[in-house]
């Protein structure tokens, strides 16, 4: 019985850790996506401005 309980606790710990890791990965991915979008938008604006200046 004790072995089963320990196994359950181990699975729970690892599941919580994986869930937390997934959340961190998703948040990092969203942040990177937003950052990339802002950078590309800034590049587009600067290119349009330089074309308009000519």
PDB file of N, CA and C in Angstrom:
ATOM      1  N   UNK A   1       0.843  -1.204   0.000  1.00  0.00           N
ATOM      2  CA  UNK A   1       0.000   0.000   0.000  1.00  0.00           C
ATOM      3  C   UNK A   1       0.876   1.252   0.000  1.00  0.00           C
ATOM      4  N   UNK A   2       1.944   1.217   0.805  1.00  0.00           N
ATOM      5  CA  UNK A   2       2.818   2.382   0.904  1.00  0.00           C
ATOM      6  C   UNK A   2       3.475   2.697  -0.442  1.00  0.00           C
ATOM      7  N   UNK A   3       3.879   1.643  -1.165  1.00  0.00           N
ATOM      8  CA  UNK A   3       4.521   1.825  -2.473  1.00  0.00           C
ATOM      9  C   UNK A   3       3.570   2.524  -3.441  1.00  0.00           C
ATOM     10  N   UNK A   4       2.307   2.119  -3.421  1.00  0.00           N
ATOM     11  CA  UNK A   4       1.314   2.705  -4.334  1.00  0.00           C
ATOM     12  C   UNK A   4       1.118   4.188  -4.010  1.00  0.00           C
ATOM     13  N   UNK A   5       1.044   4.499  -2.735  1.00  0.00           N
ATOM     14  CA  UNK A   5       0.872   5.899  -2.326  1.00  0.00           C
ATOM     15  C   UNK A   5       2.060   6.746  -2.773  1.00  0.00           C
ATOM     16  N   UNK A   6       3.265   6.217  -2.579  1.00  0.00           N
ATOM     17  CA  UNK A   6       4.470   6.945  -3.000  1.00  0.00           C
ATOM     18  C   UNK A   6       4.452   7.164  -4.511  1.00  0.00           C
ATOM     19  N   UNK A   7       4.038   6.121  -5.240  1.00  0.00           N
ATOM     20  CA  UNK A   7       3.979   6.225  -6.700  1.00  0.00           C
ATOM     21  C   UNK A   7       2.979   7.314  -7.116  1.00  0.00           C
ATOM     22  N   UNK A   8       1.831   7.345  -6.436  1.00  0.00           N
ATOM     23  CA  UNK A   8       0.815   8.357  -6.739  1.00  0.00           C
ATOM     24  C   UNK A   8       1.359   9.763  -6.494  1.00  0.00           C
ATOM     25  N   UNK A   9       2.040   9.927  -5.363  1.00  0.00           N
ATOM     26  CA  UNK A   9       2.636  11.241  -5.066  1.00  0.00           C
ATOM     27  C   UNK A   9       3.664  11.625  -6.121  1.00  0.00           C
ATOM     28  N   UNK A  10       4.487  10.629  -6.549  1.00  0.00           N
ATOM     29  CA  UNK A  10       5.521  10.880  -7.552  1.00  0.00           C
ATOM     30  C   UNK A  10       4.891  11.331  -8.863  1.00  0.00           C
ATOM     31  N   UNK A  11       3.829  10.599  -9.280  1.00  0.00           N
ATOM     32  CA  UNK A  11       3.134  10.944 -10.533  1.00  0.00           C
ATOM     33  C   UNK A  11       2.533  12.343 -10.434  1.00  0.00           C
ATOM     34  N   UNK A  12       1.922  12.632  -9.272  1.00  0.00           N
ATOM     35  CA  UNK A  12       1.301  13.942  -9.076  1.00  0.00           C
ATOM     36  C   UNK A  12       2.345  15.049  -9.183  1.00  0.00           C
ATOM     37  N   UNK A  13       3.491  14.850  -8.502  1.00  0.00           N
ATOM     38  CA  UNK A  13       4.570  15.848  -8.554  1.00  0.00           C
ATOM     39  C   UNK A  13       5.028  16.079  -9.983  1.00  0.00           C
ATOM     40  N   UNK A  14       5.276  14.982 -10.702  1.00  0.00           N
ATOM     41  CA  UNK A  14       5.779  15.119 -12.071  1.00  0.00           C
ATOM     42  C   UNK A  14       4.723  15.733 -12.978  1.00  0.00           C
ATOM     43  N   UNK A  15       3.449  15.383 -12.768  1.00  0.00           N
ATOM     44  CA  UNK A  15       2.378  15.945 -13.587  1.00  0.00           C
ATOM     45  C   UNK A  15       2.287  17.458 -13.375  1.00  0.00           C
ATOM     46  N   UNK A  16       2.356  17.870 -12.093  1.00  0.00           N
ATOM     47  CA  UNK A  16       2.291  19.303 -11.771  1.00  0.00           C
ATOM     48  C   UNK A  16       3.481  20.020 -12.400  1.00  0.00           C
ATOM     49  N   UNK A  17       4.665  19.400 -12.314  1.00  0.00           N
ATOM     50  CA  UNK A  17       5.874  20.010 -12.885  1.00  0.00           C
ATOM     51  C   UNK A  17       5.732  20.152 -14.395  1.00  0.00           C
ATOM     52  N   UNK A  18       5.212  19.095 -15.062  1.00  0.00           N
ATOM     53  CA  UNK A  18       5.061  19.163 -16.523  1.00  0.00           C
ATOM     54  C   UNK A  18       4.044  20.225 -16.892  1.00  0.00           C
ATOM     55  N   UNK A  19       2.951  20.311 -16.114  1.00  0.00           N
ATOM     56  CA  UNK A  19       1.923  21.312 -16.383  1.00  0.00           C
ATOM     57  C   UNK A  19       2.513  22.715 -16.265  1.00  0.00           C
ATOM     58  N   UNK A  20       3.295  22.920 -15.201  1.00  0.00           N
ATOM     59  CA  UNK A  20       3.924  24.230 -14.992  1.00  0.00           C
ATOM     60  C   UNK A  20       4.895  24.531 -16.139  1.00  0.00           C
ATOM     61  N   UNK A  21       5.665  23.518 -16.535  1.00  0.00           N
ATOM     62  CA  UNK A  21       6.606  23.701 -17.637  1.00  0.00           C
ATOM     63  C   UNK A  21       5.884  24.052 -18.933  1.00  0.00           C
ATOM     64  N   UNK A  22       4.750  23.377 -19.178  1.00  0.00           N
ATOM     65  CA  UNK A  22       3.966  23.667 -20.383  1.00  0.00           C
ATOM     66  C   UNK A  22       3.436  25.090 -20.351  1.00  0.00           C
ATOM     67  N   UNK A  23       2.947  25.516 -19.184  1.00  0.00           N
ATOM     68  CA  UNK A  23       2.437  26.878 -19.054  1.00  0.00           C
ATOM     69  C   UNK A  23       3.539  27.891 -19.348  1.00  0.00           C
ATOM     70  N   UNK A  24       4.727  27.637 -18.786  1.00  0.00           N
ATOM     71  CA  UNK A  24       5.864  28.547 -19.010  1.00  0.00           C
ATOM     72  C   UNK A  24       6.221  28.579 -20.488  1.00  0.00           C
ATOM     73  N   UNK A  25       6.227  27.393 -21.130  1.00  0.00           N
ATOM     74  CA  UNK A  25       6.552  27.322 -22.559  1.00  0.00           C
ATOM     75  C   UNK A  25       5.533  28.093 -23.389  1.00  0.00           C
ATOM     76  N   UNK A  26       4.245  27.906 -23.056  1.00  0.00           N
ATOM     77  CA  UNK A  26       3.188  28.596 -23.806  1.00  0.00           C
ATOM     78  C   UNK A  26       3.313  30.107 -23.635  1.00  0.00           C
ATOM     79  N   UNK A  27       3.549  30.542 -22.391  1.00  0.00           N
ATOM     80  CA  UNK A  27       3.688  31.980 -22.131  1.00  0.00           C
ATOM     81  C   UNK A  27       4.891  32.545 -22.888  1.00  0.00           C
ATOM     82  N   UNK A  28       6.013  31.807 -22.863  1.00  0.00           N
ATOM     83  CA  UNK A  28       7.218  32.258 -23.561  1.00  0.00           C
ATOM     84  C   UNK A  28       6.960  32.323 -25.064  1.00  0.00           C
ATOM     85  N   UNK A  29       6.232  31.330 -25.582  1.00  0.00           N
ATOM     86  CA  UNK A  29       5.914  31.315 -27.014  1.00  0.00           C
ATOM     87  C   UNK A  29       5.048  32.507 -27.402  1.00  0.00           C
ATOM     88  N   UNK A  30       4.040  32.795 -26.583  1.00  0.00           N
ATOM     89  CA  UNK A  30       3.164  33.929 -26.862  1.00  0.00           C
ATOM     90  C   UNK A  30       3.941  35.236 -26.796  1.00  0.00           C
ATOM     91  N   UNK A  31       4.808  35.343 -25.777  1.00  0.00           N
ATOM     92  CA  UNK A  31       5.612  36.567 -25.622  1.00  0.00           C
ATOM     93  C   UNK A  31       6.535  36.750 -26.832  1.00  0.00           C
ATOM     94  N   UNK A  32       7.187  35.660 -27.256  1.00  0.00           N
ATOM     95  CA  UNK A  32       8.069  35.727 -28.424  1.00  0.00           C
ATOM     96  C   UNK A  32       7.294  36.082 -29.678  1.00  0.00           C
ATOM     97  N   UNK A  33       6.085  35.511 -29.817  1.00  0.00           N
ATOM     98  CA  UNK A  33       5.253  35.803 -30.987  1.00  0.00           C
ATOM     99  C   UNK A  33       4.877  37.286 -31.030  1.00  0.00           C
ATOM    100  N   UNK A  34       4.471  37.812 -29.858  1.00  0.00           N
ATOM    101  CA  UNK A  34       4.110  39.225 -29.777  1.00  0.00           C
ATOM    102  C   UNK A  34       5.316  40.110 -30.080  1.00  0.00           C
ATOM    103  N   UNK A  35       6.476  39.727 -29.519  1.00  0.00           N
ATOM    104  CA  UNK A  35       7.696  40.510 -29.737  1.00  0.00           C
ATOM    105  C   UNK A  35       8.071  40.494 -31.223  1.00  0.00           C
ATOM    106  N   UNK A  36       7.971  39.324 -31.843  1.00  0.00           N
ATOM    107  CA  UNK A  36       8.273  39.205 -33.273  1.00  0.00           C
ATOM    108  C   UNK A  36       7.320  40.043 -34.111  1.00  0.00           C
ATOM    109  N   UNK A  37       6.036  40.038 -33.735  1.00  0.00           N
ATOM    110  CA  UNK A  37       5.055  40.837 -34.461  1.00  0.00           C
ATOM    111  C   UNK A  37       5.364  42.325 -34.356  1.00  0.00           C
ATOM    112  N   UNK A  38       5.748  42.770 -33.153  1.00  0.00           N
ATOM    113  CA  UNK A  38       6.082  44.182 -32.960  1.00  0.00           C
ATOM    114  C   UNK A  38       7.305  44.570 -33.785  1.00  0.00           C
ATOM    115  N   UNK A  39       8.309  43.689 -33.784  1.00  0.00           N
ATOM    116  CA  UNK A  39       9.535  43.974 -34.537  1.00  0.00           C
ATOM    117  C   UNK A  39       9.242  44.051 -36.027  1.00  0.00           C
ATOM    118  N   UNK A  40       8.453  43.102 -36.548  1.00  0.00           N
ATOM    119  CA  UNK A  40       8.144  43.107 -37.977  1.00  0.00           C
ATOM    120  C   UNK A  40       7.303  44.339 -38.332  1.00  0.00           C
ATOM    121  N   UNK A  41       6.391  44.717 -37.426  1.00  0.00           N
ATOM    122  CA  UNK A  41       5.571  45.907 -37.655  1.00  0.00           C
ATOM    123  C   UNK A  41       6.459  47.155 -37.714  1.00  0.00           C
ATOM    124  N   UNK A  42       7.422  47.244 -36.773  1.00  0.00           N
ATOM    125  CA  UNK A  42       8.341  48.379 -36.737  1.00  0.00           C
ATOM    126  C   UNK A  42       9.173  48.439 -38.024  1.00  0.00           C
ATOM    127  N   UNK A  43       9.635  47.261 -38.473  1.00  0.00           N
ATOM    128  CA  UNK A  43      10.423  47.194 -39.715  1.00  0.00           C
ATOM    129  C   UNK A  43       9.579  47.657 -40.899  1.00  0.00           C
ATOM    130  N   UNK A  44       8.331  47.200 -40.976  1.00  0.00           N
ATOM    131  CA  UNK A  44       7.444  47.593 -42.072  1.00  0.00           C
ATOM    132  C   UNK A  44       7.230  49.099 -42.068  1.00  0.00           C
ATOM    133  N   UNK A  45       6.985  49.661 -40.883  1.00  0.00           N
ATOM    134  CA  UNK A  45       6.742  51.110 -40.771  1.00  0.00           C
ATOM    135  C   UNK A  45       7.975  51.896 -41.208  1.00  0.00           C
ATOM    136  N   UNK A  46       9.151  51.442 -40.761  1.00  0.00           N
ATOM    137  CA  UNK A  46      10.381  52.159 -41.127  1.00  0.00           C
ATOM    138  C   UNK A  46      10.630  52.058 -42.628  1.00  0.00           C
ATOM    139  N   UNK A  47      10.337  50.899 -43.234  1.00  0.00           N
ATOM    140  CA  UNK A  47      10.515  50.747 -44.686  1.00  0.00           C
ATOM    141  C   UNK A  47       9.556  51.665 -45.434  1.00  0.00           C
ATOM    142  N   UNK A  48       8.293  51.722 -44.975  1.00  0.00           N
ATOM    143  CA  UNK A  48       7.304  52.587 -45.628  1.00  0.00           C
ATOM    144  C   UNK A  48       7.724  54.044 -45.500  1.00  0.00           C
ATOM    145  N   UNK A  49       8.221  54.419 -44.319  1.00  0.00           N
ATOM    146  CA  UNK A  49       8.666  55.810 -44.120  1.00  0.00           C
ATOM    147  C   UNK A  49       9.820  56.152 -45.048  1.00  0.00           C
ATOM    148  N   UNK A  50      10.782  55.224 -45.171  1.00  0.00           N
ATOM    149  CA  UNK A  50      11.941  55.501 -46.030  1.00  0.00           C
ATOM    150  C   UNK A  50      11.511  55.575 -47.494  1.00  0.00           C
ATOM    151  N   UNK A  51      10.494  54.794 -47.877  1.00  0.00           N
ATOM    152  CA  UNK A  51       9.985  54.863 -49.257  1.00  0.00           C
ATOM    153  C   UNK A  51       9.262  56.182 -49.466  1.00  0.00           C
ATOM    154  N   UNK A  52       8.527  56.642 -48.467  1.00  0.00           N
ATOM    155  CA  UNK A  52       7.770  57.893 -48.594  1.00  0.00           C
ATOM    156  C   UNK A  52       8.704  59.099 -48.634  1.00  0.00           C
ATOM    157  N   UNK A  53       9.846  58.994 -47.961  1.00  0.00           N
ATOM    158  CA  UNK A  53      10.805  60.107 -47.926  1.00  0.00           C
ATOM    159  C   UNK A  53      11.468  60.320 -49.280  1.00  0.00           C
ATOM    160  N   UNK A  54      11.561  59.259 -50.084  1.00  0.00           N
ATOM    161  CA  UNK A  54      12.251  59.410 -51.376  1.00  0.00           C
ATOM    162  C   UNK A  54      11.426  60.227 -52.360  1.00  0.00           C
TER     163      UNK A  54
END
